[in-house]
């Protein structure tokens, strides 16, 4: 039987400084991803521009835009249904 090496648990392999550095890096990555998401919303939502940096404003205008898109989609569905009725298509 081969001798087994004594292994530390994975959480014990890092020093406190390394754990802190990893935590900071993870938090920076999370914040960068959030910023990227807000930048993408600014690019997509017509009523926003790059001067609008309030996250609350970005979210509210995004919600308004999505609601407008849903309403337009529903209007188009109704138009299609009306045209199908005119053509005799069920």
Protein backbone atom coordinates (compact mmCIF):
# COMPACT_ATOMS: atom_id res chain seq x y z
CA UNK A 1 0.00 0.00 0.00
CA UNK A 2 1.41 3.38 -1.01
CA UNK A 3 1.93 6.02 1.63
CA UNK A 4 -0.72 8.72 1.54
CA UNK A 5 0.25 12.34 1.53
CA UNK A 6 -1.36 14.54 4.10
CA UNK A 7 -3.42 17.07 2.16
CA UNK A 8 -4.89 20.24 3.49
CA UNK A 9 -8.50 21.06 2.79
CA UNK A 10 -8.86 23.28 -0.32
CA UNK A 11 -9.84 26.32 1.74
CA UNK A 12 -6.63 25.98 3.73
CA UNK A 13 -4.37 26.08 0.68
CA UNK A 14 -4.63 29.85 0.33
CA UNK A 15 -3.19 32.41 2.66
CA UNK A 16 -5.45 35.07 4.09
CA UNK A 17 -3.86 37.61 1.74
CA UNK A 18 -4.57 35.36 -1.26
CA UNK A 19 -8.16 34.85 -0.14
CA UNK A 20 -8.60 38.59 0.21
CA UNK A 21 -7.04 39.22 -3.22
CA UNK A 22 -9.34 36.59 -4.79
CA UNK A 23 -12.37 38.15 -3.12
CA UNK A 24 -11.41 41.63 -4.36
CA UNK A 25 -10.84 40.31 -7.88
CA UNK A 26 -14.18 38.50 -7.87
CA UNK A 27 -15.99 41.61 -6.66
CA UNK A 28 -14.30 43.75 -9.33
CA UNK A 29 -15.34 41.25 -12.01
CA UNK A 30 -18.93 41.25 -10.71
CA UNK A 31 -19.06 45.06 -10.75
CA UNK A 32 -17.55 45.16 -14.25
CA UNK A 33 -20.22 42.75 -15.49
CA UNK A 34 -22.94 44.93 -13.97
CA UNK A 35 -21.44 48.04 -15.64
CA UNK A 36 -21.30 46.17 -18.95
CA UNK A 37 -24.98 45.26 -18.60
CA UNK A 38 -25.96 48.87 -17.96
CA UNK A 39 -23.83 50.01 -20.93
CA UNK A 40 -25.64 47.48 -23.13
CA UNK A 41 -29.02 48.78 -21.94
CA UNK A 42 -27.90 52.33 -22.79
CA UNK A 43 -26.98 51.17 -26.31
CA UNK A 44 -30.28 49.33 -26.85
CA UNK A 45 -32.91 51.59 -25.26
CA UNK A 46 -33.65 54.54 -27.57
CA UNK A 47 -34.56 57.00 -24.79
CA UNK A 48 -31.18 56.55 -23.10
CA UNK A 49 -27.86 58.06 -24.02
CA UNK A 50 -24.37 57.77 -22.59
CA UNK A 51 -24.96 60.85 -20.42
CA UNK A 52 -27.54 58.94 -18.36
CA UNK A 53 -25.58 57.13 -15.67
CA UNK A 54 -28.23 56.79 -13.00
CA UNK A 55 -28.81 53.07 -12.65
CA UNK A 56 -32.36 53.67 -11.43
CA UNK A 57 -33.10 55.81 -14.52
CA UNK A 58 -31.56 53.20 -16.82
CA UNK A 59 -33.68 50.45 -15.29
CA UNK A 60 -36.89 52.50 -15.37
CA UNK A 61 -36.43 53.56 -19.00
CA UNK A 62 -35.56 49.96 -19.91
CA UNK A 63 -38.79 48.78 -18.30
CA UNK A 64 -40.74 51.45 -20.18
CA UNK A 65 -39.10 50.40 -23.46
CA UNK A 66 -39.87 46.71 -22.88
CA UNK A 67 -43.49 47.56 -22.10
CA UNK A 68 -43.71 49.57 -25.35
CA UNK A 69 -42.25 46.63 -27.28
CA UNK A 70 -44.74 44.23 -25.72
CA UNK A 71 -47.61 46.57 -26.56
CA UNK A 72 -46.42 46.94 -30.18
CA UNK A 73 -46.10 43.15 -30.46
CA UNK A 74 -49.65 42.69 -29.15
CA UNK A 75 -50.96 45.31 -31.60
CA UNK A 76 -49.28 43.47 -34.47
CA UNK A 77 -50.76 40.17 -33.31
CA UNK A 78 -54.23 41.76 -33.33
CA UNK A 79 -53.63 43.16 -36.82
CA UNK A 80 -52.57 39.72 -38.07
CA UNK A 81 -55.65 38.15 -36.49
CA UNK A 82 -57.91 40.80 -38.08
CA UNK A 83 -56.32 40.30 -41.49
CA UNK A 84 -56.66 36.54 -41.22
CA UNK A 85 -60.35 37.00 -40.42
CA UNK A 86 -60.74 39.21 -43.51
CA UNK A 87 -59.03 36.60 -45.66
CA UNK A 88 -61.05 33.79 -44.15
CA UNK A 89 -58.01 32.12 -42.57
CA UNK A 90 -58.75 30.82 -39.09
